[in-house]
Amino acid sequence: MTNVKYRIVQHDGGWAYKVGDVFSEPFRSHAAALGAARKAAREQRTPGRTEVIEWEDENGVWHTETASGSDRPETDVEDKA
């Protein structure tokens, strides 16, 4: 099973959460960023409907696949601040 880690970091004059190399929008406080990360992590674990999705890879090639609504990742929020 995939594990997605949300990390709380200082960013753009405030605080944000980061997943991989991607930052969330900036928040004015550490507490706000932490709350947003916890909410996003919780929502990502929530099962949904099985749907067909399309996505573009880094080479500009489009892919179509079926995403199972029950195939949800494990998530963690890491806060070292």
PDB file of N, CA and C in Angstrom:
ATOM      1  N   MET A   1       0.836  -1.171   0.000  1.00  0.00           N
ATOM      2  CA  MET A   1       0.000   0.000   0.000  1.00  0.00           C
ATOM      3  C   MET A   1       0.885   1.240   0.000  1.00  0.00           C
ATOM      4  N   THR A   2       0.458   2.251  -0.693  1.00  0.00           N
ATOM      5  CA  THR A   2       1.174   3.516  -0.788  1.00  0.00           C
ATOM      6  C   THR A   2       1.028   4.314   0.502  1.00  0.00           C
ATOM      7  N   ASN A   3       2.096   5.002   0.892  1.00  0.00           N
ATOM      8  CA  ASN A   3       2.044   5.892   2.043  1.00  0.00           C
ATOM      9  C   ASN A   3       2.369   7.302   1.571  1.00  0.00           C
ATOM     10  N   VAL A   4       1.477   8.239   1.855  1.00  0.00           N
ATOM     11  CA  VAL A   4       1.665   9.639   1.484  1.00  0.00           C
ATOM     12  C   VAL A   4       1.995  10.412   2.758  1.00  0.00           C
ATOM     13  N   LYS A   5       3.114  11.136   2.729  1.00  0.00           N
ATOM     14  CA  LYS A   5       3.554  11.880   3.906  1.00  0.00           C
ATOM     15  C   LYS A   5       3.361  13.377   3.663  1.00  0.00           C
ATOM     16  N   TYR A   6       2.649  14.011   4.564  1.00  0.00           N
ATOM     17  CA  TYR A   6       2.451  15.457   4.567  1.00  0.00           C
ATOM     18  C   TYR A   6       3.431  16.037   5.585  1.00  0.00           C
ATOM     19  N   ARG A   7       4.307  16.937   5.145  1.00  0.00           N
ATOM     20  CA  ARG A   7       5.299  17.527   6.040  1.00  0.00           C
ATOM     21  C   ARG A   7       4.993  19.013   6.228  1.00  0.00           C
ATOM     22  N   ILE A   8       5.030  19.484   7.459  1.00  0.00           N
ATOM     23  CA  ILE A   8       4.810  20.888   7.763  1.00  0.00           C
ATOM     24  C   ILE A   8       6.146  21.610   7.631  1.00  0.00           C
ATOM     25  N   VAL A   9       6.181  22.686   6.808  1.00  0.00           N
ATOM     26  CA  VAL A   9       7.425  23.403   6.542  1.00  0.00           C
ATOM     27  C   VAL A   9       7.163  24.907   6.483  1.00  0.00           C
ATOM     28  N   GLN A  10       8.204  25.683   6.726  1.00  0.00           N
ATOM     29  CA  GLN A  10       8.118  27.120   6.491  1.00  0.00           C
ATOM     30  C   GLN A  10       8.192  27.337   4.989  1.00  0.00           C
ATOM     31  N   HIS A  11       7.336  28.246   4.482  1.00  0.00           N
ATOM     32  CA  HIS A  11       7.285  28.452   3.036  1.00  0.00           C
ATOM     33  C   HIS A  11       6.653  29.793   2.717  1.00  0.00           C
ATOM     34  N   ASP A  12       7.283  30.527   1.829  1.00  0.00           N
ATOM     35  CA  ASP A  12       6.716  31.754   1.260  1.00  0.00           C
ATOM     36  C   ASP A  12       6.267  32.751   2.337  1.00  0.00           C
ATOM     37  N   GLY A  13       7.086  32.909   3.365  1.00  0.00           N
ATOM     38  CA  GLY A  13       6.789  33.861   4.422  1.00  0.00           C
ATOM     39  C   GLY A  13       5.793  33.381   5.457  1.00  0.00           C
ATOM     40  N   GLY A  14       5.432  32.117   5.394  1.00  0.00           N
ATOM     41  CA  GLY A  14       4.488  31.560   6.363  1.00  0.00           C
ATOM     42  C   GLY A  14       4.762  30.084   6.547  1.00  0.00           C
ATOM     43  N   TRP A  15       3.700  29.313   6.609  1.00  0.00           N
ATOM     44  CA  TRP A  15       3.803  27.871   6.786  1.00  0.00           C
ATOM     45  C   TRP A  15       2.986  27.173   5.706  1.00  0.00           C
ATOM     46  N   ALA A  16       3.372  25.958   5.380  1.00  0.00           N
ATOM     47  CA  ALA A  16       2.656  25.170   4.372  1.00  0.00           C
ATOM     48  C   ALA A  16       2.833  23.698   4.718  1.00  0.00           C
ATOM     49  N   TYR A  17       2.096  22.863   4.019  1.00  0.00           N
ATOM     50  CA  TYR A  17       2.404  21.441   4.068  1.00  0.00           C
ATOM     51  C   TYR A  17       2.934  21.052   2.710  1.00  0.00           C
ATOM     52  N   LYS A  18       3.763  20.054   2.699  1.00  0.00           N
ATOM     53  CA  LYS A  18       4.446  19.629   1.481  1.00  0.00           C
ATOM     54  C   LYS A  18       4.258  18.130   1.315  1.00  0.00           C
ATOM     55  N   VAL A  19       3.921  17.716   0.106  1.00  0.00           N
ATOM     56  CA  VAL A  19       3.819  16.303  -0.249  1.00  0.00           C
ATOM     57  C   VAL A  19       4.786  16.088  -1.413  1.00  0.00           C
ATOM     58  N   GLY A  20       5.819  15.313  -1.170  1.00  0.00           N
ATOM     59  CA  GLY A  20       6.853  15.161  -2.200  1.00  0.00           C
ATOM     60  C   GLY A  20       7.525  16.510  -2.413  1.00  0.00           C
ATOM     61  N   ASP A  21       7.497  16.996  -3.653  1.00  0.00           N
ATOM     62  CA  ASP A  21       8.087  18.298  -3.983  1.00  0.00           C
ATOM     63  C   ASP A  21       7.037  19.385  -4.138  1.00  0.00           C
ATOM     64  N   VAL A  22       5.797  19.103  -3.775  1.00  0.00           N
ATOM     65  CA  VAL A  22       4.691  20.034  -4.005  1.00  0.00           C
ATOM     66  C   VAL A  22       4.254  20.676  -2.688  1.00  0.00           C
ATOM     67  N   PHE A  23       4.176  22.021  -2.707  1.00  0.00           N
ATOM     68  CA  PHE A  23       3.751  22.781  -1.544  1.00  0.00           C
ATOM     69  C   PHE A  23       2.266  23.112  -1.629  1.00  0.00           C
ATOM     70  N   SER A  24       1.625  23.180  -0.472  1.00  0.00           N
ATOM     71  CA  SER A  24       0.268  23.702  -0.406  1.00  0.00           C
ATOM     72  C   SER A  24       0.347  25.225  -0.517  1.00  0.00           C
ATOM     73  N   GLU A  25      -0.796  25.867  -0.458  1.00  0.00           N
ATOM     74  CA  GLU A  25      -0.800  27.319  -0.352  1.00  0.00           C
ATOM     75  C   GLU A  25      -0.196  27.693   1.007  1.00  0.00           C
ATOM     76  N   PRO A  26       0.333  28.901   1.131  1.00  0.00           N
ATOM     77  CA  PRO A  26       0.895  29.297   2.424  1.00  0.00           C
ATOM     78  C   PRO A  26      -0.205  29.628   3.436  1.00  0.00           C
ATOM     79  N   PHE A  27       0.082  29.355   4.691  1.00  0.00           N
ATOM     80  CA  PHE A  27      -0.806  29.685   5.796  1.00  0.00           C
ATOM     81  C   PHE A  27      -0.073  30.651   6.710  1.00  0.00           C
ATOM     82  N   ARG A  28      -0.804  31.506   7.402  1.00  0.00           N
ATOM     83  CA  ARG A  28      -0.183  32.513   8.279  1.00  0.00           C
ATOM     84  C   ARG A  28       0.438  31.895   9.522  1.00  0.00           C
ATOM     85  N   SER A  29      -0.093  30.759   9.955  1.00  0.00           N
ATOM     86  CA  SER A  29       0.427  30.171  11.191  1.00  0.00           C
ATOM     87  C   SER A  29       0.757  28.691  10.995  1.00  0.00           C
ATOM     88  N   HIS A  30       1.635  28.227  11.865  1.00  0.00           N
ATOM     89  CA  HIS A  30       1.983  26.810  11.891  1.00  0.00           C
ATOM     90  C   HIS A  30       0.738  25.978  12.176  1.00  0.00           C
ATOM     91  N   ALA A  31      -0.079  26.419  13.131  1.00  0.00           N
ATOM     92  CA  ALA A  31      -1.284  25.674  13.514  1.00  0.00           C
ATOM     93  C   ALA A  31      -2.256  25.540  12.336  1.00  0.00           C
ATOM     94  N   ALA A  32      -2.387  26.589  11.538  1.00  0.00           N
ATOM     95  CA  ALA A  32      -3.291  26.532  10.387  1.00  0.00           C
ATOM     96  C   ALA A  32      -2.784  25.540   9.344  1.00  0.00           C
ATOM     97  N   ALA A  33      -1.477  25.544   9.097  1.00  0.00           N
ATOM     98  CA  ALA A  33      -0.896  24.595   8.137  1.00  0.00           C
ATOM     99  C   ALA A  33      -1.046  23.165   8.635  1.00  0.00           C
ATOM    100  N   LEU A  34      -0.824  22.961   9.928  1.00  0.00           N
ATOM    101  CA  LEU A  34      -0.959  21.628  10.508  1.00  0.00           C
ATOM    102  C   LEU A  34      -2.405  21.140  10.407  1.00  0.00           C
ATOM    103  N   GLY A  35      -3.355  21.997  10.708  1.00  0.00           N
ATOM    104  CA  GLY A  35      -4.768  21.627  10.591  1.00  0.00           C
ATOM    105  C   GLY A  35      -5.151  21.286   9.163  1.00  0.00           C
ATOM    106  N   ALA A  36      -4.665  22.073   8.214  1.00  0.00           N
ATOM    107  CA  ALA A  36      -4.960  21.810   6.802  1.00  0.00           C
ATOM    108  C   ALA A  36      -4.347  20.490   6.345  1.00  0.00           C
ATOM    109  N   ALA A  37      -3.121  20.209   6.804  1.00  0.00           N
ATOM    110  CA  ALA A  37      -2.462  18.951   6.442  1.00  0.00           C
ATOM    111  C   ALA A  37      -3.223  17.760   7.011  1.00  0.00           C
ATOM    112  N   ARG A  38      -3.655  17.867   8.248  1.00  0.00           N
ATOM    113  CA  ARG A  38      -4.416  16.775   8.860  1.00  0.00           C
ATOM    114  C   ARG A  38      -5.733  16.542   8.118  1.00  0.00           C
ATOM    115  N   LYS A  39      -6.389  17.616   7.735  1.00  0.00           N
ATOM    116  CA  LYS A  39      -7.644  17.483   6.994  1.00  0.00           C
ATOM    117  C   LYS A  39      -7.404  16.834   5.630  1.00  0.00           C
ATOM    118  N   ALA A  40      -6.374  17.295   4.906  1.00  0.00           N
ATOM    119  CA  ALA A  40      -6.066  16.729   3.594  1.00  0.00           C
ATOM    120  C   ALA A  40      -5.702  15.248   3.707  1.00  0.00           C
ATOM    121  N   ALA A  41      -4.921  14.894   4.724  1.00  0.00           N
ATOM    122  CA  ALA A  41      -4.528  13.491   4.917  1.00  0.00           C
ATOM    123  C   ALA A  41      -5.743  12.624   5.218  1.00  0.00           C
ATOM    124  N   ARG A  42      -6.627  13.134   6.050  1.00  0.00           N
ATOM    125  CA  ARG A  42      -7.845  12.395   6.407  1.00  0.00           C
ATOM    126  C   ARG A  42      -8.742  12.196   5.173  1.00  0.00           C
ATOM    127  N   GLU A  43      -8.904  13.245   4.387  1.00  0.00           N
ATOM    128  CA  GLU A  43      -9.736  13.149   3.181  1.00  0.00           C
ATOM    129  C   GLU A  43      -9.144  12.193   2.156  1.00  0.00           C
ATOM    130  N   GLN A  44      -7.829  12.144   2.060  1.00  0.00           N
ATOM    131  CA  GLN A  44      -7.191  11.251   1.087  1.00  0.00           C
ATOM    132  C   GLN A  44      -7.403   9.788   1.449  1.00  0.00           C
ATOM    133  N   ARG A  45      -7.585   9.492   2.728  1.00  0.00           N
ATOM    134  CA  ARG A  45      -7.824   8.107   3.158  1.00  0.00           C
ATOM    135  C   ARG A  45      -9.281   7.680   2.982  1.00  0.00           C
ATOM    136  N   THR A  46     -10.170   8.631   2.746  1.00  0.00           N
ATOM    137  CA  THR A  46     -11.599   8.345   2.655  1.00  0.00           C
ATOM    138  C   THR A  46     -11.925   7.634   1.349  1.00  0.00           C
ATOM    139  N   PRO A  47     -12.560   6.466   1.417  1.00  0.00           N
ATOM    140  CA  PRO A  47     -12.933   5.762   0.184  1.00  0.00           C
ATOM    141  C   PRO A  47     -13.924   6.586  -0.637  1.00  0.00           C
ATOM    142  N   GLY A  48     -13.898   6.354  -1.907  1.00  0.00           N
ATOM    143  CA  GLY A  48     -14.800   7.051  -2.826  1.00  0.00           C
ATOM    144  C   GLY A  48     -15.365   6.083  -3.846  1.00  0.00           C
ATOM    145  N   ARG A  49     -15.743   6.619  -4.984  1.00  0.00           N
ATOM    146  CA  ARG A  49     -16.296   5.798  -6.070  1.00  0.00           C
ATOM    147  C   ARG A  49     -15.177   5.358  -7.006  1.00  0.00           C
ATOM    148  N   THR A  50     -15.342   4.209  -7.622  1.00  0.00           N
ATOM    149  CA  THR A  50     -14.424   3.779  -8.658  1.00  0.00           C
ATOM    150  C   THR A  50     -14.738   4.591  -9.907  1.00  0.00           C
ATOM    151  N   GLU A  51     -13.718   5.218 -10.481  1.00  0.00           N
ATOM    152  CA  GLU A  51     -13.920   6.088 -11.633  1.00  0.00           C
ATOM    153  C   GLU A  51     -12.774   5.938 -12.615  1.00  0.00           C
ATOM    154  N   VAL A  52     -13.054   6.290 -13.859  1.00  0.00           N
ATOM    155  CA  VAL A  52     -12.028   6.349 -14.889  1.00  0.00           C
ATOM    156  C   VAL A  52     -11.381   7.728 -14.794  1.00  0.00           C
ATOM    157  N   ILE A  53     -10.052   7.750 -14.759  1.00  0.00           N
ATOM    158  CA  ILE A  53      -9.332   9.016 -14.681  1.00  0.00           C
ATOM    159  C   ILE A  53      -8.366   9.132 -15.858  1.00  0.00           C
ATOM    160  N   GLU A  54      -8.049  10.364 -16.215  1.00  0.00           N
ATOM    161  CA  GLU A  54      -7.050  10.651 -17.238  1.00  0.00           C
ATOM    162  C   GLU A  54      -6.002  11.550 -16.615  1.00  0.00           C
ATOM    163  N   TRP A  55      -4.740  11.299 -16.964  1.00  0.00           N
ATOM    164  CA  TRP A  55      -3.670  12.125 -16.436  1.00  0.00           C
ATOM    165  C   TRP A  55      -2.531  12.198 -17.440  1.00  0.00           C
ATOM    166  N   GLU A  56      -1.767  13.289 -17.349  1.00  0.00           N
ATOM    167  CA  GLU A  56      -0.655  13.530 -18.260  1.00  0.00           C
ATOM    168  C   GLU A  56       0.657  13.329 -17.520  1.00  0.00           C
ATOM    169  N   ASP A  57       1.555  12.545 -18.101  1.00  0.00           N
ATOM    170  CA  ASP A  57       2.838  12.318 -17.442  1.00  0.00           C
ATOM    171  C   ASP A  57       3.827  13.432 -17.789  1.00  0.00           C
ATOM    172  N   GLU A  58       5.029  13.335 -17.234  1.00  0.00           N
ATOM    173  CA  GLU A  58       6.030  14.381 -17.421  1.00  0.00           C
ATOM    174  C   GLU A  58       6.491  14.527 -18.868  1.00  0.00           C
ATOM    175  N   ASN A  59       6.208  13.537 -19.709  1.00  0.00           N
ATOM    176  CA  ASN A  59       6.575  13.596 -21.127  1.00  0.00           C
ATOM    177  C   ASN A  59       5.444  14.095 -22.005  1.00  0.00           C
ATOM    178  N   GLY A  60       4.338  14.507 -21.391  1.00  0.00           N
ATOM    179  CA  GLY A  60       3.200  15.023 -22.154  1.00  0.00           C
ATOM    180  C   GLY A  60       2.298  13.943 -22.728  1.00  0.00           C
ATOM    181  N   VAL A  61       2.476  12.701 -22.290  1.00  0.00           N
ATOM    182  CA  VAL A  61       1.658  11.586 -22.775  1.00  0.00           C
ATOM    183  C   VAL A  61       0.460  11.415 -21.839  1.00  0.00           C
ATOM    184  N   TRP A  62      -0.734  11.322 -22.432  1.00  0.00           N
ATOM    185  CA  TRP A  62      -1.954  11.157 -21.641  1.00  0.00           C
ATOM    186  C   TRP A  62      -2.235   9.675 -21.419  1.00  0.00           C
ATOM    187  N   HIS A  63      -2.732   9.349 -20.236  1.00  0.00           N
ATOM    188  CA  HIS A  63      -3.049   7.985 -19.845  1.00  0.00           C
ATOM    189  C   HIS A  63      -4.479   7.942 -19.324  1.00  0.00           C
ATOM    190  N   THR A  64      -5.143   6.828 -19.552  1.00  0.00           N
ATOM    191  CA  THR A  64      -6.481   6.601 -19.016  1.00  0.00           C
ATOM    192  C   THR A  64      -6.437   5.317 -18.213  1.00  0.00           C
ATOM    193  N   GLU A  65      -6.986   5.359 -17.003  1.00  0.00           N
ATOM    194  CA  GLU A  65      -7.011   4.165 -16.170  1.00  0.00           C
ATOM    195  C   GLU A  65      -8.214   4.219 -15.239  1.00  0.00           C
ATOM    196  N   THR A  66      -8.532   3.087 -14.693  1.00  0.00           N
ATOM    197  CA  THR A  66      -9.618   3.009 -13.717  1.00  0.00           C
ATOM    198  C   THR A  66      -9.019   3.066 -12.326  1.00  0.00           C
ATOM    199  N   ALA A  67      -9.516   4.013 -11.530  1.00  0.00           N
ATOM    200  CA  ALA A  67      -9.042   4.186 -10.150  1.00  0.00           C
ATOM    201  C   ALA A  67     -10.098   3.632  -9.206  1.00  0.00           C
ATOM    202  N   SER A  68      -9.726   2.626  -8.468  1.00  0.00           N
ATOM    203  CA  SER A  68     -10.639   2.020  -7.510  1.00  0.00           C
ATOM    204  C   SER A  68     -10.875   2.968  -6.347  1.00  0.00           C
ATOM    205  N   GLY A  69     -12.117   3.191  -6.021  1.00  0.00           N
ATOM    206  CA  GLY A  69     -12.456   4.077  -4.918  1.00  0.00           C
ATOM    207  C   GLY A  69     -12.063   3.524  -3.558  1.00  0.00           C
ATOM    208  N   SER A  70     -11.787   2.228  -3.496  1.00  0.00           N
ATOM    209  CA  SER A  70     -11.412   1.631  -2.217  1.00  0.00           C
ATOM    210  C   SER A  70      -9.897   1.493  -2.057  1.00  0.00           C
ATOM    211  N   ASP A  71      -9.141   1.844  -3.090  1.00  0.00           N
ATOM    212  CA  ASP A  71      -7.681   1.732  -3.065  1.00  0.00           C
ATOM    213  C   ASP A  71      -7.086   3.042  -2.573  1.00  0.00           C
ATOM    214  N   ARG A  72      -7.161   3.284  -1.281  1.00  0.00           N
ATOM    215  CA  ARG A  72      -6.712   4.534  -0.689  1.00  0.00           C
ATOM    216  C   ARG A  72      -5.358   4.352  -0.019  1.00  0.00           C
ATOM    217  N   PRO A  73      -4.520   5.379  -0.066  1.00  0.00           N
ATOM    218  CA  PRO A  73      -3.207   5.264   0.567  1.00  0.00           C
ATOM    219  C   PRO A  73      -3.289   5.447   2.078  1.00  0.00           C
ATOM    220  N   GLU A  74      -2.240   5.035   2.747  1.00  0.00           N
ATOM    221  CA  GLU A  74      -2.056   5.404   4.142  1.00  0.00           C
ATOM    222  C   GLU A  74      -1.452   6.803   4.131  1.00  0.00           C
ATOM    223  N   THR A  75      -1.759   7.602   5.129  1.00  0.00           N
ATOM    224  CA  THR A  75      -1.215   8.947   5.177  1.00  0.00           C
ATOM    225  C   THR A  75      -0.645   9.241   6.561  1.00  0.00           C
ATOM    226  N   ASP A  76       0.380  10.088   6.582  1.00  0.00           N
ATOM    227  CA  ASP A  76       0.999  10.544   7.830  1.00  0.00           C
ATOM    228  C   ASP A  76       1.221  12.041   7.734  1.00  0.00           C
ATOM    229  N   VAL A  77       1.144  12.715   8.860  1.00  0.00           N
ATOM    230  CA  VAL A  77       1.502  14.125   8.940  1.00  0.00           C
ATOM    231  C   VAL A  77       2.742  14.211   9.815  1.00  0.00           C
ATOM    232  N   GLU A  78       3.801  14.781   9.254  1.00  0.00           N
ATOM    233  CA  GLU A  78       5.083  14.903   9.948  1.00  0.00           C
ATOM    234  C   GLU A  78       5.296  16.368  10.304  1.00  0.00           C
ATOM    235  N   ASP A  79       5.504  16.641  11.581  1.00  0.00           N
ATOM    236  CA  ASP A  79       5.679  18.008  12.059  1.00  0.00           C
ATOM    237  C   ASP A  79       6.916  18.068  12.942  1.00  0.00           C
ATOM    238  N   LYS A  80       8.017  18.546  12.378  1.00  0.00           N
ATOM    239  CA  LYS A  80       9.263  18.636  13.135  1.00  0.00           C
ATOM    240  C   LYS A  80       9.555  20.060  13.590  1.00  0.00           C
ATOM    241  N   ALA A  81       8.604  20.950  13.401  1.00  0.00           N
ATOM    242  CA  ALA A  81       8.818  22.368  13.773  1.00  0.00           C
ATOM    243  C   ALA A  81       8.711  22.591  15.257  1.00  0.00           C
TER     244      ALA A  81
END
